[in-house]
PDB file of N, CA and C in Angstrom:
ATOM      1  N   MET A   1      67.407  70.234 180.666  1.00  0.00           N
ATOM      2  CA  MET A   1      68.491  69.334 180.517  1.00  0.00           C
ATOM      3  C   MET A   1      69.021  69.266 178.985  1.00  0.00           C
ATOM      4  N   LYS A   2      68.006  69.184 178.105  1.00  0.00           N
ATOM      5  CA  LYS A   2      68.367  69.201 176.711  1.00  0.00           C
ATOM      6  C   LYS A   2      68.742  70.481 176.208  1.00  0.00           C
ATOM      7  N   LYS A   3      68.316  71.704 176.716  1.00  0.00           N
ATOM      8  CA  LYS A   3      68.668  73.124 176.580  1.00  0.00           C
ATOM      9  C   LYS A   3      70.112  73.090 176.874  1.00  0.00           C
ATOM     10  N   ASN A   4      70.594  72.847 178.077  1.00  0.00           N
ATOM     11  CA  ASN A   4      71.931  72.969 178.784  1.00  0.00           C
ATOM     12  C   ASN A   4      72.823  72.199 177.580  1.00  0.00           C
ATOM     13  N   LEU A   5      72.589  71.122 177.114  1.00  0.00           N
ATOM     14  CA  LEU A   5      73.406  70.135 176.288  1.00  0.00           C
ATOM     15  C   LEU A   5      73.658  70.873 174.890  1.00  0.00           C
ATOM     16  N   ILE A   6      72.581  71.492 174.470  1.00  0.00           N
ATOM     17  CA  ILE A   6      72.698  72.391 173.165  1.00  0.00           C
ATOM     18  C   ILE A   6      73.546  73.415 173.425  1.00  0.00           C
ATOM     19  N   VAL A   7      73.392  74.199 174.469  1.00  0.00           N
ATOM     20  CA  VAL A   7      74.307  75.564 174.766  1.00  0.00           C
ATOM     21  C   VAL A   7      75.764  74.950 174.861  1.00  0.00           C
ATOM     22  N   LEU A   8      75.906  73.960 175.646  1.00  0.00           N
ATOM     23  CA  LEU A   8      77.467  73.422 175.883  1.00  0.00           C
ATOM     24  C   LEU A   8      77.976  72.941 174.704  1.00  0.00           C
ATOM     25  N   THR A   9      77.366  72.216 173.840  1.00  0.00           N
ATOM     26  CA  THR A   9      77.624  71.778 172.552  1.00  0.00           C
ATOM     27  C   THR A   9      78.165  72.952 171.566  1.00  0.00           C
ATOM     28  N   THR A  10      77.189  73.919 171.513  1.00  0.00           N
ATOM     29  CA  THR A  10      77.327  75.099 170.677  1.00  0.00           C
ATOM     30  C   THR A  10      78.718  75.902 171.026  1.00  0.00           C
ATOM     31  N   ALA A  11      78.839  76.033 172.390  1.00  0.00           N
ATOM     32  CA  ALA A  11      80.047  76.830 172.931  1.00  0.00           C
ATOM     33  C   ALA A  11      81.211  76.016 172.652  1.00  0.00           C
ATOM     34  N   SER A  12      81.304  74.681 172.783  1.00  0.00           N
ATOM     35  CA  SER A  12      82.364  74.011 172.392  1.00  0.00           C
ATOM     36  C   SER A  12      82.746  73.970 170.902  1.00  0.00           C
ATOM     37  N   ILE A  13      81.810  74.001 170.143  1.00  0.00           N
ATOM     38  CA  ILE A  13      82.094  74.019 168.701  1.00  0.00           C
ATOM     39  C   ILE A  13      82.605  75.454 168.333  1.00  0.00           C
ATOM     40  N   LEU A  14      82.029  76.504 168.818  1.00  0.00           N
ATOM     41  CA  LEU A  14      82.490  77.801 168.446  1.00  0.00           C
ATOM     42  C   LEU A  14      83.982  77.925 169.231  1.00  0.00           C
ATOM     43  N   ALA A  15      84.258  77.492 170.448  1.00  0.00           N
ATOM     44  CA  ALA A  15      85.633  77.608 170.965  1.00  0.00           C
ATOM     45  C   ALA A  15      86.691  76.791 170.261  1.00  0.00           C
ATOM     46  N   LEU A  16      86.221  75.557 169.712  1.00  0.00           N
ATOM     47  CA  LEU A  16      87.194  74.769 169.130  1.00  0.00           C
ATOM     48  C   LEU A  16      87.554  75.172 167.638  1.00  0.00           C
ATOM     49  N   SER A  17      86.668  76.093 167.037  1.00  0.00           N
ATOM     50  CA  SER A  17      86.741  76.536 165.669  1.00  0.00           C
ATOM     51  C   SER A  17      88.023  77.503 165.654  1.00  0.00           C
ATOM     52  N   ALA A  18      88.213  78.219 166.798  1.00  0.00           N
ATOM     53  CA  ALA A  18      89.164  79.241 166.596  1.00  0.00           C
ATOM     54  C   ALA A  18      90.610  78.717 166.951  1.00  0.00           C
ATOM     55  N   CYS A  19      91.030  77.431 166.857  1.00  0.00           N
ATOM     56  CA  CYS A  19      92.210  76.897 167.243  1.00  0.00           C
ATOM     57  C   CYS A  19      93.381  76.976 166.341  1.00  0.00           C
ATOM     58  N   SER A  20      93.257  77.485 165.081  1.00  0.00           N
ATOM     59  CA  SER A  20      94.136  77.404 164.077  1.00  0.00           C
ATOM     60  C   SER A  20      95.488  78.235 164.346  1.00  0.00           C
ATOM     61  N   ASN A  21      95.218  79.336 165.101  1.00  0.00           N
ATOM     62  CA  ASN A  21      96.463  80.209 165.170  1.00  0.00           C
ATOM     63  C   ASN A  21      97.114  80.141 166.608  1.00  0.00           C
ATOM     64  N   MET A  22      96.774  79.084 167.236  1.00  0.00           N
ATOM     65  CA  MET A  22      97.179  78.906 168.716  1.00  0.00           C
ATOM     66  C   MET A  22      98.625  78.142 168.900  1.00  0.00           C
ATOM     67  N   SER A  23      99.292  78.387 169.781  1.00  0.00           N
ATOM     68  CA  SER A  23     100.625  77.824 170.081  1.00  0.00           C
ATOM     69  C   SER A  23     100.352  76.328 170.684  1.00  0.00           C
ATOM     70  N   GLU A  24     101.220  75.414 170.590  1.00  0.00           N
ATOM     71  CA  GLU A  24     101.021  74.075 171.040  1.00  0.00           C
ATOM     72  C   GLU A  24     100.547  74.179 172.593  1.00  0.00           C
ATOM     73  N   THR A  25     101.023  75.033 173.403  1.00  0.00           N
ATOM     74  CA  THR A  25     100.620  75.243 174.890  1.00  0.00           C
ATOM     75  C   THR A  25      99.322  75.396 174.901  1.00  0.00           C
ATOM     76  N   GLN A  26      98.732  76.411 173.913  1.00  0.00           N
ATOM     77  CA  GLN A  26      97.407  76.828 173.949  1.00  0.00           C
ATOM     78  C   GLN A  26      96.443  75.803 173.445  1.00  0.00           C
ATOM     79  N   GLN A  27      96.929  75.041 172.515  1.00  0.00           N
ATOM     80  CA  GLN A  27      95.950  73.969 172.079  1.00  0.00           C
ATOM     81  C   GLN A  27      95.890  72.892 173.112  1.00  0.00           C
ATOM     82  N   ARG A  28      96.991  72.363 173.660  1.00  0.00           N
ATOM     83  CA  ARG A  28      96.704  71.563 174.754  1.00  0.00           C
ATOM     84  C   ARG A  28      96.091  71.881 175.944  1.00  0.00           C
ATOM     85  N   THR A  29      96.132  73.082 176.275  1.00  0.00           N
ATOM     86  CA  THR A  29      95.495  73.478 177.407  1.00  0.00           C
ATOM     87  C   THR A  29      93.944  73.568 177.139  1.00  0.00           C
ATOM     88  N   LEU A  30      93.633  73.985 175.884  1.00  0.00           N
ATOM     89  CA  LEU A  30      92.248  74.086 175.542  1.00  0.00           C
ATOM     90  C   LEU A  30      91.678  72.541 175.360  1.00  0.00           C
ATOM     91  N   SER A  31      92.526  71.793 174.599  1.00  0.00           N
ATOM     92  CA  SER A  31      92.031  70.485 174.633  1.00  0.00           C
ATOM     93  C   SER A  31      91.736  69.796 175.986  1.00  0.00           C
ATOM     94  N   GLY A  32      92.612  70.066 176.917  1.00  0.00           N
ATOM     95  CA  GLY A  32      92.524  69.439 178.291  1.00  0.00           C
ATOM     96  C   GLY A  32      91.196  70.079 178.979  1.00  0.00           C
ATOM     97  N   ALA A  33      90.962  71.306 178.635  1.00  0.00           N
ATOM     98  CA  ALA A  33      89.499  71.888 179.308  1.00  0.00           C
ATOM     99  C   ALA A  33      88.492  71.177 178.606  1.00  0.00           C
ATOM    100  N   ALA A  34      88.549  70.955 177.332  1.00  0.00           N
ATOM    101  CA  ALA A  34      87.349  70.425 176.522  1.00  0.00           C
ATOM    102  C   ALA A  34      86.978  69.064 177.081  1.00  0.00           C
ATOM    103  N   ILE A  35      88.249  68.378 177.160  1.00  0.00           N
ATOM    104  CA  ILE A  35      88.002  66.969 177.859  1.00  0.00           C
ATOM    105  C   ILE A  35      87.408  67.052 179.173  1.00  0.00           C
ATOM    106  N   GLY A  36      87.983  67.881 179.910  1.00  0.00           N
ATOM    107  CA  GLY A  36      87.790  67.815 181.427  1.00  0.00           C
ATOM    108  C   GLY A  36      86.239  68.252 181.547  1.00  0.00           C
ATOM    109  N   THR A  37      85.678  69.377 180.674  1.00  0.00           N
ATOM    110  CA  THR A  37      84.291  69.739 180.644  1.00  0.00           C
ATOM    111  C   THR A  37      83.395  68.511 180.327  1.00  0.00           C
ATOM    112  N   ALA A  38      83.749  67.923 179.263  1.00  0.00           N
ATOM    113  CA  ALA A  38      82.871  66.721 178.966  1.00  0.00           C
ATOM    114  C   ALA A  38      82.955  65.673 180.038  1.00  0.00           C
ATOM    115  N   ALA A  39      84.014  65.213 180.704  1.00  0.00           N
ATOM    116  CA  ALA A  39      84.121  64.388 181.809  1.00  0.00           C
ATOM    117  C   ALA A  39      83.175  64.873 183.172  1.00  0.00           C
ATOM    118  N   GLY A  40      83.415  66.146 183.251  1.00  0.00           N
ATOM    119  CA  GLY A  40      82.809  66.902 184.441  1.00  0.00           C
ATOM    120  C   GLY A  40      81.123  66.850 184.297  1.00  0.00           C
ATOM    121  N   VAL A  41      80.598  67.126 182.980  1.00  0.00           N
ATOM    122  CA  VAL A  41      79.294  66.938 182.779  1.00  0.00           C
ATOM    123  C   VAL A  41      78.872  65.477 182.871  1.00  0.00           C
ATOM    124  N   GLY A  42      79.709  64.585 182.270  1.00  0.00           N
ATOM    125  CA  GLY A  42      79.339  63.211 182.479  1.00  0.00           C
ATOM    126  C   GLY A  42      79.108  62.652 183.846  1.00  0.00           C
ATOM    127  N   ILE A  43      80.051  63.016 184.719  1.00  0.00           N
ATOM    128  CA  ILE A  43      79.989  62.689 186.018  1.00  0.00           C
ATOM    129  C   ILE A  43      79.075  63.345 186.666  1.00  0.00           C
ATOM    130  N   GLY A  44      78.670  64.568 186.584  1.00  0.00           N
ATOM    131  CA  GLY A  44      77.760  65.258 187.268  1.00  0.00           C
ATOM    132  C   GLY A  44      76.291  64.591 186.674  1.00  0.00           C
ATOM    133  N   ALA A  45      76.049  64.132 185.526  1.00  0.00           N
ATOM    134  CA  ALA A  45      74.800  63.528 185.029  1.00  0.00           C
ATOM    135  C   ALA A  45      74.977  62.164 185.679  1.00  0.00           C
ATOM    136  N   LEU A  46      75.831  61.480 186.000  1.00  0.00           N
ATOM    137  CA  LEU A  46      75.682  59.886 186.547  1.00  0.00           C
ATOM    138  C   LEU A  46      75.550  60.241 187.914  1.00  0.00           C
ATOM    139  N   THR A  47      75.965  61.260 188.641  1.00  0.00           N
ATOM    140  CA  THR A  47      75.913  61.347 190.058  1.00  0.00           C
ATOM    141  C   THR A  47      74.702  62.157 190.507  1.00  0.00           C
ATOM    142  N   GLY A  48      73.967  62.867 189.575  1.00  0.00           N
ATOM    143  CA  GLY A  48      72.751  63.608 189.818  1.00  0.00           C
ATOM    144  C   GLY A  48      73.136  65.009 190.337  1.00  0.00           C
ATOM    145  N   GLY A  49      74.544  65.294 190.277  1.00  0.00           N
ATOM    146  CA  GLY A  49      74.915  66.709 190.598  1.00  0.00           C
ATOM    147  C   GLY A  49      74.573  67.736 189.634  1.00  0.00           C
ATOM    148  N   ALA A  50      75.035  68.902 189.823  1.00  0.00           N
ATOM    149  CA  ALA A  50      74.729  70.106 189.027  1.00  0.00           C
ATOM    150  C   ALA A  50      75.658  70.088 187.790  1.00  0.00           C
ATOM    151  N   LEU A  51      75.142  69.982 186.512  1.00  0.00           N
ATOM    152  CA  LEU A  51      75.857  69.841 185.341  1.00  0.00           C
ATOM    153  C   LEU A  51      76.885  71.056 185.090  1.00  0.00           C
ATOM    154  N   LEU A  52      76.451  72.335 185.372  1.00  0.00           N
ATOM    155  CA  LEU A  52      77.342  73.412 185.083  1.00  0.00           C
ATOM    156  C   LEU A  52      78.407  73.498 186.169  1.00  0.00           C
ATOM    157  N   TRP A  53      78.276  73.093 187.367  1.00  0.00           N
ATOM    158  CA  TRP A  53      79.307  72.973 188.282  1.00  0.00           C
ATOM    159  C   TRP A  53      80.387  71.896 188.000  1.00  0.00           C
ATOM    160  N   GLY A  54      79.807  70.736 187.337  1.00  0.00           N
ATOM    161  CA  GLY A  54      80.752  69.656 186.853  1.00  0.00           C
ATOM    162  C   GLY A  54      81.583  70.012 185.791  1.00  0.00           C
ATOM    163  N   ALA A  55      80.968  70.790 184.893  1.00  0.00           N
ATOM    164  CA  ALA A  55      81.599  71.340 183.628  1.00  0.00           C
ATOM    165  C   ALA A  55      82.585  72.310 184.070  1.00  0.00           C
ATOM    166  N   ALA A  56      82.357  73.134 185.064  1.00  0.00           N
ATOM    167  CA  ALA A  56      83.286  74.186 185.308  1.00  0.00           C
ATOM    168  C   ALA A  56      84.455  73.489 186.031  1.00  0.00           C
ATOM    169  N   GLY A  57      84.143  72.626 186.897  1.00  0.00           N
ATOM    170  CA  GLY A  57      85.288  71.937 187.640  1.00  0.00           C
ATOM    171  C   GLY A  57      86.028  71.239 186.830  1.00  0.00           C
ATOM    172  N   GLY A  58      85.403  70.369 185.835  1.00  0.00           N
ATOM    173  CA  GLY A  58      86.270  69.627 184.822  1.00  0.00           C
ATOM    174  C   GLY A  58      87.148  70.396 184.027  1.00  0.00           C
ATOM    175  N   ALA A  59      86.493  71.535 183.397  1.00  0.00           N
ATOM    176  CA  ALA A  59      87.239  72.532 182.402  1.00  0.00           C
ATOM    177  C   ALA A  59      88.582  72.947 183.309  1.00  0.00           C
ATOM    178  N   ALA A  60      88.485  73.362 184.574  1.00  0.00           N
ATOM    179  CA  ALA A  60      89.583  73.901 185.269  1.00  0.00           C
ATOM    180  C   ALA A  60      90.558  72.702 185.529  1.00  0.00           C
ATOM    181  N   VAL A  61      90.161  71.510 185.856  1.00  0.00           N
ATOM    182  CA  VAL A  61      91.272  70.399 186.014  1.00  0.00           C
ATOM    183  C   VAL A  61      91.670  70.094 184.697  1.00  0.00           C
ATOM    184  N   GLY A  62      90.960  70.004 183.833  1.00  0.00           N
ATOM    185  CA  GLY A  62      91.386  69.661 182.507  1.00  0.00           C
ATOM    186  C   GLY A  62      92.373  70.663 182.018  1.00  0.00           C
ATOM    187  N   ALA A  63      92.131  71.793 181.909  1.00  0.00           N
ATOM    188  CA  ALA A  63      93.134  72.883 181.335  1.00  0.00           C
ATOM    189  C   ALA A  63      94.328  72.812 182.237  1.00  0.00           C
ATOM    190  N   ALA A  64      94.239  72.664 183.485  1.00  0.00           N
ATOM    191  CA  ALA A  64      95.613  72.552 184.426  1.00  0.00           C
ATOM    192  C   ALA A  64      96.332  71.196 183.861  1.00  0.00           C
ATOM    193  N   GLY A  65      95.668  70.211 183.643  1.00  0.00           N
ATOM    194  CA  GLY A  65      96.404  68.962 183.139  1.00  0.00           C
ATOM    195  C   GLY A  65      96.686  69.068 181.843  1.00  0.00           C
ATOM    196  N   GLY A  66      96.043  69.823 181.031  1.00  0.00           N
ATOM    197  CA  GLY A  66      96.630  70.135 179.623  1.00  0.00           C
ATOM    198  C   GLY A  66      97.909  70.770 179.606  1.00  0.00           C
ATOM    199  N   TYR A  67      97.877  71.913 180.552  1.00  0.00           N
ATOM    200  CA  TYR A  67      99.274  72.676 180.622  1.00  0.00           C
ATOM    201  C   TYR A  67     100.289  71.931 181.118  1.00  0.00           C
ATOM    202  N   VAL A  68      99.959  71.108 182.222  1.00  0.00           N
ATOM    203  CA  VAL A  68     101.255  70.433 182.798  1.00  0.00           C
ATOM    204  C   VAL A  68     101.769  69.229 181.989  1.00  0.00           C
ATOM    205  N   TYR A  69     100.646  68.790 181.130  1.00  0.00           N
ATOM    206  CA  TYR A  69     101.200  67.667 179.970  1.00  0.00           C
ATOM    207  C   TYR A  69     102.117  68.508 178.980  1.00  0.00           C
ATOM    208  N   ASP A  70     101.773  69.586 178.577  1.00  0.00           N
ATOM    209  CA  ASP A  70     102.520  70.355 177.679  1.00  0.00           C
ATOM    210  C   ASP A  70     103.901  70.625 178.141  1.00  0.00           C
ATOM    211  N   GLN A  71     104.009  71.181 179.473  1.00  0.00           N
ATOM    212  CA  GLN A  71     105.331  71.283 179.982  1.00  0.00           C
ATOM    213  C   GLN A  71     106.214  70.149 180.201  1.00  0.00           C
ATOM    214  N   HIS A  72     105.546  69.036 180.357  1.00  0.00           N
ATOM    215  CA  HIS A  72     106.279  67.966 180.561  1.00  0.00           C
ATOM    216  C   HIS A  72     106.833  67.406 179.112  1.00  0.00           C
ATOM    217  N   GLU A  73     105.983  67.555 178.162  1.00  0.00           N
ATOM    218  CA  GLU A  73     106.672  67.269 176.734  1.00  0.00           C
ATOM    219  C   GLU A  73     107.703  68.236 176.245  1.00  0.00           C
ATOM    220  N   LYS A  74     107.663  69.468 176.655  1.00  0.00           N
ATOM    221  CA  LYS A  74     108.595  70.386 176.289  1.00  0.00           C
ATOM    222  C   LYS A  74     109.951  69.994 177.120  1.00  0.00           C
ATOM    223  N   ASN A  75     109.831  69.618 178.308  1.00  0.00           N
ATOM    224  CA  ASN A  75     111.071  69.207 179.098  1.00  0.00           C
ATOM    225  C   ASN A  75     111.491  67.883 178.436  1.00  0.00           C
ATOM    226  N   GLN A  76     110.643  67.038 178.086  1.00  0.00           N
ATOM    227  CA  GLN A  76     111.118  65.758 177.416  1.00  0.00           C
ATOM    228  C   GLN A  76     112.013  65.924 176.128  1.00  0.00           C
ATOM    229  N   SER A  77     111.503  67.018 175.372  1.00  0.00           N
ATOM    230  CA  SER A  77     112.110  67.285 173.962  1.00  0.00           C
ATOM    231  C   SER A  77     113.507  67.970 174.151  1.00  0.00           C
ATOM    232  N   LYS A  78     113.473  68.795 175.338  1.00  0.00           N
ATOM    233  CA  LYS A  78     114.908  69.509 175.603  1.00  0.00           C
ATOM    234  C   LYS A  78     115.603  68.440 175.932  1.00  0.00           C
ATOM    235  N   SER A  79     115.561  67.552 176.867  1.00  0.00           N
ATOM    236  CA  SER A  79     116.417  66.681 177.481  1.00  0.00           C
ATOM    237  C   SER A  79     116.866  65.585 176.261  1.00  0.00           C
ATOM    238  N   LYS A  80     116.098  65.380 175.203  1.00  0.00           N
ATOM    239  CA  LYS A  80     116.377  64.569 174.169  1.00  0.00           C
ATOM    240  C   LYS A  80     117.431  65.080 173.111  1.00  0.00           C
ATOM    241  N   THR A  81     117.227  66.497 173.002  1.00  0.00           N
ATOM    242  CA  THR A  81     118.107  67.249 172.123  1.00  0.00           C
ATOM    243  C   THR A  81     119.447  67.500 172.820  1.00  0.00           C
ATOM    244  N   THR A  82     119.633  67.487 174.177  1.00  0.00           N
ATOM    245  CA  THR A  82     120.765  67.918 174.907  1.00  0.00           C
ATOM    246  C   THR A  82     121.618  66.645 174.950  1.00  0.00           C
ATOM    247  N   LYS A  83     121.197  65.373 174.798  1.00  0.00           N
ATOM    248  CA  LYS A  83     121.924  64.101 174.885  1.00  0.00           C
ATOM    249  C   LYS A  83     122.663  63.811 173.616  1.00  0.00           C
TER     250      LYS A  83
END
C-alpha cells in the first residue's frame, strides 16, 4: 500500500513538471486526469477495491471531463466575442 502511494506520487510529480509548454487544452485534460486519478484512488481505498483500477478509471474519466470542460470554455469565449 505504502509502496503504491509512493510510486503514484512520484509519477504525478514527474508528469506535472512537464506542463510548461502545453496548450490550454492539454493542461486542462492533464489536470482533469490528475484530479480523477486522486479521486479514483480515494474511492478505491474507501471501498476496499483495487487502487490501480480506481486510478486508471479515475484518470480516464477525469481526462475526458477536462477535455469537455476546455471545449465548453472555448465555445463560451467564442460566443462572447461574437456578441
